[in-house]
Amino acid sequence: MKKTLAILLAVVMALTLFAACGEKPAPTPKTGSVYYLNFKPEANDAWQALAKTYTEKTGVPVTVVTAASGTYDQVLTAEMDKDAAPTMFQVGNAGAVRTWGEYCYDLTNTDVMKEMTTDAFNLKNEAGETVSIGYCYEAFGIIVNKALLKQAGYELTDITNFESLKKVADDIHSRAAELGFDAFSSAGLDGSSSWRFSGHLANMPLFYEFRDNGVTSQPATITGKYLENYKNVWDLYTTDSATTGAALVSATGDQSEAEFGEGKAVFYQNGSWEYSNLTSKFNMNPDDLAMIPIYCGVEGEEKAGLCCGTENCWAVNKNASEEDIKATLDFMKWVVTSEEGTTMMAKELGPIPFKSAKTPENVFFAQANDYTAAGNYVVTWAFNYTPAVDDWRAAVVDALTQYTSGTGEWSAVETAFVDGWAAQYAKENA
């Protein structure tokens, strides 16, 4: 009996060993990786630091590549053709949804979307799927150095419309040598600066035209009804400044920022995203900073507020591997819920529409809220409807360049604006 048991045990052990030798090892779980193609050059350093922190905490590789200002669409097109394409990218307006919607993962009911406090900034495709989510919102207008304004003999309350803005700016410019500073920082037409005018300043005539016509989706054509108001502001910017004429063609965004940050100009058209640079890079006192509406001479603009909205919307590449999609969604949730992520977002991007958001120190947002609380209307981001946005803006900048340098007429700007819109819409919707 003992001999029989011994034989049986030997057989069982042999079979067990045989099975163990032939058994494949359990696969190692894949963690995936994240590749974020960042839209905002001014936040590059912050994103790089945040990505490093996340990788150190989780072991998940996060790569952040930042497109140069004005080149995002070209860079995205090139990167999407690569095997290692971005897993997280920007789809910020209706045109971008048409172009990139087929690449977008449906974010409906994802953990990161469940953290949102509003879907007002989110974009959907024709099927009703949420293809990108607005992760921050911003305001832009004319940033004012209140200390310099007071030194010139004025207060913010002296500026309530285009007429009063022009009166103050003309006076400061006429006394620039005496005061030691000018009215406006340079309205540079270099690519690092021109988006402020082909995009943000262009919002003014678009907003008022669309408001008149009740436009709620991208129109095939525009009339340019308020282009004379656009010209009013542009002429003011390029006259009441230390840098004028042909010199503006090569003037950069950094140059304009430095002129304002170093106290060489009272006014600087830009947005809430500049707060961090102005207060840290240039050590400006937040108490000296304010933002006023871009007044352009439209009737009733005394009740205008700041321009508020967003093109900052995250999309996830549905063609990425399952592991990379999961890693990307996990990273996005961490960004909007973690101490590190929400701190960075509040500092660099301002208010974010997520439950764990921190209150930003940015005074420009407080002022945007103040205008609204006072009953002023919000100037919404009408330029989000622009068809083939980079091509349309490039043509507007070319026309502005010729007009500003004295080699072209304002009529060319009107043509680029109105006829260019129709042409780009037709091309995009062919």
Protein backbone atom coordinates (compact mmCIF):
# COMPACT_ATOMS: atom_id res chain seq x y z
CA MET A 1 0.00 0.00 0.00
CA LYS A 2 2.78 2.40 0.92
CA LYS A 3 4.55 1.51 -2.31
CA THR A 4 1.40 2.29 -4.34
CA LEU A 5 0.99 5.70 -2.62
CA ALA A 6 4.59 6.57 -3.27
CA ILE A 7 4.19 5.80 -6.97
CA LEU A 8 1.01 7.90 -7.17
CA LEU A 9 2.70 10.86 -5.45
CA ALA A 10 5.64 10.64 -7.80
CA VAL A 11 3.33 10.67 -10.83
CA VAL A 12 1.39 13.70 -9.48
CA MET A 13 4.62 15.62 -8.78
CA ALA A 14 5.93 14.82 -12.27
CA LEU A 15 2.72 16.00 -13.89
CA THR A 16 2.76 19.18 -11.77
CA LEU A 17 6.32 19.95 -12.74
CA PHE A 18 5.54 19.27 -16.40
CA ALA A 19 2.57 21.61 -16.30
CA ALA A 20 4.61 24.29 -14.53
CA CYS A 21 7.40 24.05 -17.10
CA GLY A 22 4.96 24.41 -19.98
CA GLU A 23 2.92 27.21 -18.40
CA LYS A 24 3.39 30.76 -19.82
CA PRO A 25 4.20 33.42 -17.25
CA ALA A 26 1.36 35.81 -16.41
CA PRO A 27 1.56 38.91 -18.62
CA THR A 28 2.87 42.09 -17.02
CA PRO A 29 0.10 44.69 -16.94
CA LYS A 30 0.72 47.60 -19.29
CA THR A 31 0.49 51.00 -17.65
CA GLY A 32 0.29 53.04 -20.84
CA SER A 33 1.73 56.49 -21.37
CA VAL A 34 0.56 60.04 -22.00
CA TYR A 35 1.59 62.41 -24.78
CA TYR A 36 0.05 65.87 -24.38
CA LEU A 37 0.37 68.35 -27.24
CA ASN A 38 0.04 71.61 -25.34
CA PHE A 39 -1.72 74.62 -26.86
CA LYS A 40 -0.43 77.33 -24.53
CA PRO A 41 3.28 78.28 -24.85
CA GLU A 42 3.10 80.55 -21.79
CA ALA A 43 2.24 77.53 -19.62
CA ASN A 44 4.92 75.21 -21.02
CA ASP A 45 7.22 75.28 -17.98
CA ALA A 46 4.33 74.60 -15.63
CA TRP A 47 3.13 71.64 -17.69
CA GLN A 48 6.62 70.17 -17.89
CA ALA A 49 6.98 70.36 -14.11
CA LEU A 50 3.54 68.85 -13.54
CA ALA A 51 4.23 65.98 -15.93
CA LYS A 52 7.48 65.21 -14.11
CA THR A 53 5.68 65.17 -10.77
CA TYR A 54 3.02 62.79 -12.04
CA THR A 55 5.59 60.41 -13.48
CA GLU A 56 7.53 60.41 -10.22
CA LYS A 57 4.36 59.63 -8.28
CA THR A 58 2.88 56.97 -10.58
CA GLY A 59 5.63 55.70 -12.84
CA VAL A 60 3.46 56.56 -15.88
CA PRO A 61 5.50 58.38 -18.56
CA VAL A 62 4.02 61.77 -19.48
CA THR A 63 5.48 63.71 -22.39
CA VAL A 64 4.46 67.33 -22.98
CA VAL A 65 5.23 68.94 -26.32
CA THR A 66 4.31 72.61 -26.76
CA ALA A 67 3.55 74.09 -30.16
CA ALA A 68 4.92 77.56 -30.86
CA SER A 69 2.39 80.38 -30.86
CA GLY A 70 0.21 80.35 -33.98
CA THR A 71 1.42 76.94 -35.19
CA TYR A 72 -0.79 74.53 -33.25
CA ASP A 73 -2.86 73.26 -36.19
CA GLN A 74 0.22 72.58 -38.32
CA VAL A 75 2.01 70.81 -35.48
CA LEU A 76 -1.07 68.75 -34.60
CA THR A 77 -1.49 67.68 -38.23
CA ALA A 78 2.13 66.57 -38.40
CA GLU A 79 2.06 64.77 -35.05
CA MET A 80 -1.18 62.91 -35.75
CA ASP A 81 0.47 61.31 -38.78
CA LYS A 82 3.11 59.70 -36.56
CA ASP A 83 2.94 56.25 -34.97
CA ALA A 84 3.39 57.80 -31.54
CA ALA A 85 0.65 60.43 -31.94
CA PRO A 86 -0.59 62.68 -29.13
CA THR A 87 -2.99 60.96 -26.76
CA MET A 88 -4.26 64.29 -25.41
CA PHE A 89 -4.69 67.36 -27.59
CA GLN A 90 -6.66 70.54 -28.22
CA VAL A 91 -10.02 70.76 -30.03
CA GLY A 92 -11.20 74.25 -29.17
CA ASN A 93 -13.94 75.31 -31.58
CA ALA A 94 -16.57 74.13 -34.05
CA GLY A 95 -14.11 74.10 -36.95
CA ALA A 96 -11.71 71.94 -34.99
CA VAL A 97 -14.51 69.50 -34.18
CA ARG A 98 -15.19 69.09 -37.90
CA THR A 99 -11.48 68.59 -38.60
CA TRP A 100 -10.53 66.36 -35.69
CA GLY A 101 -13.81 64.96 -34.41
CA GLU A 102 -13.18 61.54 -35.95
CA TYR A 103 -10.03 61.25 -33.81
CA CYS A 104 -11.80 62.14 -30.58
CA TYR A 105 -12.70 59.69 -27.84
CA ASP A 106 -16.21 60.16 -26.42
CA LEU A 107 -15.58 61.75 -23.02
CA THR A 108 -19.20 61.43 -21.88
CA ASN A 109 -19.36 59.76 -18.46
CA THR A 110 -15.58 59.60 -18.06
CA ASP A 111 -14.21 60.23 -14.58
CA VAL A 112 -12.66 63.54 -15.56
CA MET A 113 -15.94 64.81 -17.00
CA LYS A 114 -17.78 63.76 -13.83
CA GLU A 115 -15.53 66.24 -11.99
CA MET A 116 -16.88 69.18 -14.01
CA THR A 117 -19.16 71.84 -12.56
CA THR A 118 -20.54 72.91 -15.95
CA ASP A 119 -20.59 71.66 -19.51
CA ALA A 120 -21.00 75.17 -20.92
CA PHE A 121 -17.53 75.11 -22.44
CA ASN A 122 -17.68 71.54 -23.78
CA LEU A 123 -17.94 70.67 -27.47
CA LYS A 124 -20.03 67.90 -29.03
CA ASN A 125 -20.15 66.28 -32.43
CA GLU A 126 -23.25 65.78 -34.53
CA ALA A 127 -23.96 62.50 -32.73
CA GLY A 128 -24.13 64.36 -29.42
CA GLU A 129 -20.89 62.88 -28.09
CA THR A 130 -18.67 65.12 -25.98
CA VAL A 131 -15.49 65.24 -28.03
CA SER A 132 -13.63 67.85 -25.98
CA ILE A 133 -14.02 69.46 -22.57
CA GLY A 134 -13.26 73.06 -21.65
CA TYR A 135 -10.65 72.84 -18.90
CA CYS A 136 -10.32 76.55 -18.15
CA TYR A 137 -11.89 79.79 -19.21
CA GLU A 138 -10.31 83.15 -19.75
CA ALA A 139 -10.96 86.84 -20.16
CA PHE A 140 -9.27 89.40 -22.36
CA GLY A 141 -9.45 93.14 -22.78
CA ILE A 142 -7.12 96.08 -22.30
CA ILE A 143 -4.81 95.63 -19.33
CA VAL A 144 -4.13 98.89 -17.50
CA ASN A 145 -1.29 100.00 -15.24
CA LYS A 146 -3.36 102.03 -12.79
CA ALA A 147 -0.29 103.59 -11.18
CA LEU A 148 0.90 105.04 -14.50
CA LEU A 149 -2.63 106.07 -15.41
CA LYS A 150 -2.87 108.01 -12.16
CA GLN A 151 0.55 109.53 -12.73
CA ALA A 152 -0.79 110.83 -16.04
CA GLY A 153 -3.70 112.42 -14.19
CA TYR A 154 -6.48 109.89 -14.80
CA GLU A 155 -8.48 107.16 -13.05
CA LEU A 156 -10.16 104.06 -14.43
CA THR A 157 -13.52 105.77 -14.00
CA ASP A 158 -12.46 108.33 -16.63
CA ILE A 159 -12.63 105.61 -19.29
CA THR A 160 -16.14 104.38 -20.11
CA ASN A 161 -16.23 104.10 -23.92
CA PHE A 162 -14.05 104.51 -27.02
CA GLU A 163 -14.35 108.28 -27.03
CA SER A 164 -12.98 108.61 -23.49
CA LEU A 165 -10.33 105.93 -24.08
CA LYS A 166 -9.07 107.80 -27.12
CA LYS A 167 -9.06 111.11 -25.27
CA VAL A 168 -6.93 109.69 -22.46
CA ALA A 169 -4.60 107.77 -24.80
CA ASP A 170 -4.10 110.75 -27.12
CA ASP A 171 -3.17 112.96 -24.18
CA ILE A 172 -0.72 110.45 -22.69
CA HIS A 173 0.92 109.90 -26.09
CA SER A 174 1.28 113.65 -26.62
CA ARG A 175 3.12 113.91 -23.27
CA ALA A 176 5.13 110.68 -23.56
CA ALA A 177 8.52 112.41 -23.41
CA GLU A 178 7.48 114.35 -20.32
CA LEU A 179 5.85 111.39 -18.58
CA GLY A 180 8.49 108.79 -19.41
CA PHE A 181 5.94 106.33 -20.78
CA ASP A 182 3.49 106.05 -23.67
CA ALA A 183 -0.16 105.07 -23.97
CA PHE A 184 -0.09 101.63 -25.64
CA SER A 185 2.53 98.92 -25.79
CA SER A 186 3.44 97.94 -29.35
CA ALA A 187 0.76 96.23 -31.44
CA GLY A 188 3.31 93.89 -33.01
CA LEU A 189 2.46 91.97 -36.17
CA ASP A 190 5.11 89.30 -35.70
CA GLY A 191 3.55 85.84 -35.37
CA SER A 192 4.15 85.84 -31.62
CA SER A 193 1.90 88.89 -31.26
CA SER A 194 -0.44 89.18 -34.25
CA TRP A 195 -2.98 86.66 -32.88
CA ARG A 196 -4.00 89.35 -30.40
CA PHE A 197 -5.46 91.34 -33.27
CA SER A 198 -6.48 88.79 -35.92
CA GLY A 199 -8.13 86.77 -33.15
CA HIS A 200 -8.97 88.75 -30.04
CA LEU A 201 -9.42 92.25 -31.47
CA ALA A 202 -11.28 90.73 -34.42
CA ASN A 203 -13.74 89.39 -31.86
CA MET A 204 -15.18 92.86 -31.41
CA PRO A 205 -16.75 93.36 -34.88
CA LEU A 206 -17.72 89.69 -34.99
CA PHE A 207 -19.41 89.78 -31.58
CA TYR A 208 -21.53 92.83 -32.36
CA GLU A 209 -22.50 91.58 -35.81
CA PHE A 210 -23.45 88.17 -34.46
CA ARG A 211 -25.37 89.76 -31.58
CA ASP A 212 -27.37 91.85 -34.04
CA ASN A 213 -28.15 88.80 -36.19
CA GLY A 214 -28.76 86.29 -33.40
CA VAL A 215 -26.00 83.99 -34.68
CA THR A 216 -25.61 80.81 -32.61
CA SER A 217 -23.58 78.65 -35.01
CA GLN A 218 -20.84 79.23 -37.56
CA PRO A 219 -22.22 81.41 -40.40
CA ALA A 220 -21.20 80.87 -44.02
CA THR A 221 -20.73 84.60 -44.56
CA ILE A 222 -20.30 87.82 -42.58
CA THR A 223 -21.04 91.41 -43.56
CA GLY A 224 -18.27 93.28 -41.75
CA LYS A 225 -20.81 95.78 -40.43
CA TYR A 226 -18.57 96.79 -37.53
CA LEU A 227 -15.20 96.84 -39.31
CA GLU A 228 -15.02 100.62 -38.96
CA ASN A 229 -15.05 100.06 -35.20
CA TYR A 230 -12.22 97.55 -35.60
CA LYS A 231 -10.31 100.22 -37.53
CA ASN A 232 -10.97 102.76 -34.74
CA VAL A 233 -9.14 100.62 -32.20
CA TRP A 234 -6.36 99.50 -34.52
CA ASP A 235 -5.56 103.09 -35.51
CA LEU A 236 -5.49 104.06 -31.84
CA TYR A 237 -3.16 101.19 -30.93
CA THR A 238 -0.75 101.96 -33.75
CA THR A 239 -0.75 105.75 -33.33
CA ASP A 240 -0.62 106.27 -29.57
CA SER A 241 2.44 104.05 -29.10
CA ALA A 242 6.20 104.40 -29.07
CA THR A 243 6.38 101.84 -31.89
CA THR A 244 4.48 102.81 -35.02
CA GLY A 245 4.30 102.17 -38.77
CA ALA A 246 6.61 99.66 -40.44
CA ALA A 247 8.42 98.97 -37.15
CA LEU A 248 5.31 97.09 -35.99
CA VAL A 249 5.73 94.46 -38.70
CA SER A 250 8.56 92.77 -36.78
CA ALA A 251 7.55 93.77 -33.23
CA THR A 252 7.08 90.66 -31.07
CA GLY A 253 4.78 89.60 -28.28
CA ASP A 254 7.69 89.56 -25.82
CA GLN A 255 8.51 93.14 -26.78
CA SER A 256 4.97 94.32 -26.14
CA GLU A 257 4.79 92.44 -22.84
CA ALA A 258 8.11 93.90 -21.69
CA GLU A 259 7.09 97.45 -22.58
CA PHE A 260 4.07 97.12 -20.33
CA GLY A 261 5.78 95.07 -17.62
CA GLU A 262 8.66 97.53 -17.39
CA GLY A 263 6.37 100.53 -17.04
CA LYS A 264 6.84 101.97 -20.52
CA ALA A 265 3.15 101.87 -21.45
CA VAL A 266 -0.18 102.34 -19.67
CA PHE A 267 -2.28 100.04 -21.86
CA TYR A 268 -1.66 96.52 -23.18
CA GLN A 269 -4.25 94.43 -25.02
CA ASN A 270 -4.03 90.89 -23.72
CA GLY A 271 -5.75 88.42 -21.44
CA SER A 272 -6.03 86.97 -17.99
CA TRP A 273 -3.26 84.47 -18.80
CA GLU A 274 -0.74 87.35 -18.59
CA TYR A 275 -1.31 87.84 -14.87
CA SER A 276 1.33 85.31 -13.81
CA ASN A 277 4.04 86.79 -16.03
CA LEU A 278 3.28 90.38 -15.09
CA THR A 279 3.34 89.70 -11.34
CA SER A 280 6.24 87.22 -11.24
CA LYS A 281 8.45 87.87 -14.25
CA PHE A 282 8.09 91.67 -14.02
CA ASN A 283 7.19 91.90 -10.33
CA MET A 284 4.23 94.16 -10.98
CA ASN A 285 2.02 94.93 -8.00
CA PRO A 286 -1.37 93.23 -8.44
CA ASP A 287 -2.99 96.33 -6.95
CA ASP A 288 -1.71 98.33 -9.92
CA LEU A 289 -3.33 96.04 -12.48
CA ALA A 290 -6.79 96.23 -14.00
CA MET A 291 -8.52 95.08 -17.15
CA ILE A 292 -11.08 97.16 -19.01
CA PRO A 293 -13.26 96.25 -22.01
CA ILE A 294 -11.99 96.79 -25.55
CA TYR A 295 -14.05 99.85 -26.37
CA CYS A 296 -14.51 100.43 -30.10
CA GLY A 297 -17.27 103.02 -30.46
CA VAL A 298 -20.37 100.83 -30.59
CA GLU A 299 -23.54 102.40 -29.20
CA GLY A 300 -24.21 101.33 -25.63
CA GLU A 301 -20.70 99.96 -25.03
CA GLU A 302 -20.61 101.74 -21.68
CA LYS A 303 -22.38 98.62 -20.42
CA ALA A 304 -19.88 96.20 -21.97
CA GLY A 305 -17.92 93.76 -19.86
CA LEU A 306 -14.78 91.80 -20.61
CA CYS A 307 -14.46 89.24 -23.40
CA CYS A 308 -14.92 85.84 -21.72
CA GLY A 309 -14.83 82.31 -23.09
CA THR A 310 -12.40 79.56 -23.98
CA GLU A 311 -10.69 77.68 -26.75
CA ASN A 312 -8.89 75.57 -24.17
CA CYS A 313 -10.57 72.19 -24.59
CA TRP A 314 -9.01 68.77 -24.07
CA ALA A 315 -9.61 65.87 -26.41
CA VAL A 316 -8.35 62.29 -26.15
CA ASN A 317 -7.13 60.37 -29.19
CA LYS A 318 -9.48 57.42 -29.67
CA ASN A 319 -6.95 55.79 -31.99
CA ALA A 320 -4.42 55.45 -29.18
CA SER A 321 -4.01 52.08 -27.48
CA GLU A 322 -6.46 51.11 -24.76
CA GLU A 323 -3.65 51.41 -22.18
CA ASP A 324 -2.69 54.90 -23.37
CA ILE A 325 -6.30 56.08 -23.39
CA LYS A 326 -6.74 54.90 -19.81
CA ALA A 327 -3.42 56.46 -18.77
CA THR A 328 -4.46 59.74 -20.37
CA LEU A 329 -7.88 59.82 -18.72
CA ASP A 330 -6.27 59.01 -15.36
CA PHE A 331 -3.76 61.83 -15.85
CA MET A 332 -6.50 64.31 -16.76
CA LYS A 333 -8.47 63.42 -13.64
CA TRP A 334 -5.35 63.80 -11.49
CA VAL A 335 -4.64 67.23 -12.98
CA VAL A 336 -8.09 68.56 -12.03
CA THR A 337 -8.34 66.92 -8.59
CA SER A 338 -4.83 66.80 -7.10
CA GLU A 339 -3.21 69.48 -4.96
CA GLU A 340 -0.38 69.83 -7.48
CA GLY A 341 -2.65 69.99 -10.50
CA THR A 342 -5.27 72.38 -9.17
CA THR A 343 -2.58 74.68 -7.76
CA MET A 344 -0.86 74.88 -11.15
CA MET A 345 -4.15 75.41 -12.97
CA ALA A 346 -5.20 78.24 -10.65
CA LYS A 347 -1.85 79.97 -10.99
CA GLU A 348 -1.26 79.53 -14.72
CA LEU A 349 -4.74 79.21 -16.24
CA GLY A 350 -7.12 80.89 -13.84
CA PRO A 351 -10.56 79.49 -13.01
CA ILE A 352 -11.29 75.91 -14.01
CA PRO A 353 -14.78 74.33 -14.17
CA PHE A 354 -14.04 71.41 -11.85
CA LYS A 355 -15.22 70.54 -8.34
CA SER A 356 -11.75 70.70 -6.77
CA ALA A 357 -10.80 74.03 -8.36
CA LYS A 358 -8.85 76.55 -6.31
CA THR A 359 -9.76 80.21 -6.37
CA PRO A 360 -7.16 82.00 -8.53
CA GLU A 361 -5.38 85.07 -7.22
CA ASN A 362 -5.72 86.60 -10.67
CA VAL A 363 -7.32 90.04 -10.25
CA PHE A 364 -8.50 90.08 -13.86
CA PHE A 365 -11.05 87.38 -13.12
CA ALA A 366 -12.36 89.30 -10.15
CA GLN A 367 -12.83 92.29 -12.44
CA ALA A 368 -14.62 90.17 -15.06
CA ASN A 369 -17.01 89.08 -12.30
CA ASP A 370 -17.41 92.68 -11.12
CA TYR A 371 -18.53 93.83 -14.58
CA THR A 372 -21.08 91.03 -14.72
CA ALA A 373 -22.31 91.70 -11.19
CA ALA A 374 -22.82 95.35 -12.17
CA GLY A 375 -25.15 94.28 -14.96
CA ASN A 376 -22.71 94.70 -17.86
CA TYR A 377 -23.07 92.30 -20.77
CA VAL A 378 -20.36 89.69 -21.36
CA VAL A 379 -18.63 89.97 -24.72
CA THR A 380 -18.57 86.32 -25.71
CA TRP A 381 -15.91 84.71 -27.86
CA ALA A 382 -17.42 85.06 -31.33
CA PHE A 383 -14.07 84.31 -32.97
CA ASN A 384 -14.57 80.65 -32.02
CA TYR A 385 -16.75 80.44 -35.14
CA THR A 386 -13.88 81.38 -37.48
CA PRO A 387 -13.53 78.91 -40.38
CA ALA A 388 -10.03 77.56 -41.14
CA VAL A 389 -8.88 79.83 -38.35
CA ASP A 390 -5.13 79.90 -39.08
CA ASP A 391 -5.56 80.59 -42.80
CA TRP A 392 -8.21 83.24 -42.22
CA ARG A 393 -6.13 85.01 -39.59
CA ALA A 394 -3.00 84.87 -41.75
CA ALA A 395 -4.78 86.75 -44.52
CA VAL A 396 -6.07 89.37 -42.08
CA VAL A 397 -2.57 89.85 -40.67
CA ASP A 398 -1.12 90.25 -44.18
CA ALA A 399 -3.65 92.97 -44.93
CA LEU A 400 -3.07 94.66 -41.56
CA THR A 401 0.67 94.56 -42.22
CA GLN A 402 0.32 96.34 -45.54
CA TYR A 403 -2.08 98.92 -44.13
CA THR A 404 0.08 99.60 -41.06
CA SER A 405 3.33 99.86 -42.97
CA GLY A 406 1.76 102.26 -45.47
CA THR A 407 1.88 99.95 -48.49
CA GLY A 408 -1.81 99.04 -48.57
CA GLU A 409 -5.32 100.37 -47.98
CA TRP A 410 -7.85 99.55 -45.27
CA SER A 411 -10.10 98.09 -47.95
CA ALA A 412 -7.70 95.13 -48.17
CA VAL A 413 -8.36 94.40 -44.49
CA GLU A 414 -12.09 94.45 -45.15
CA THR A 415 -11.65 92.07 -48.09
CA ALA A 416 -9.52 89.66 -46.07
CA PHE A 417 -12.08 89.80 -43.28
CA VAL A 418 -15.33 89.39 -45.22
CA ASP A 419 -14.40 87.67 -48.50
CA GLY A 420 -11.78 85.59 -46.70
CA TRP A 421 -14.41 84.29 -44.28
CA ALA A 422 -16.69 83.15 -47.10
CA ALA A 423 -13.82 81.55 -49.01
CA GLN A 424 -12.49 79.64 -46.01
CA TYR A 425 -15.97 78.51 -45.00
CA ALA A 426 -16.65 77.21 -48.52
CA LYS A 427 -13.31 75.44 -48.60
CA GLU A 428 -13.76 73.91 -45.17
CA ASN A 429 -17.30 72.74 -45.90
CA ALA A 430 -16.77 71.55 -49.48
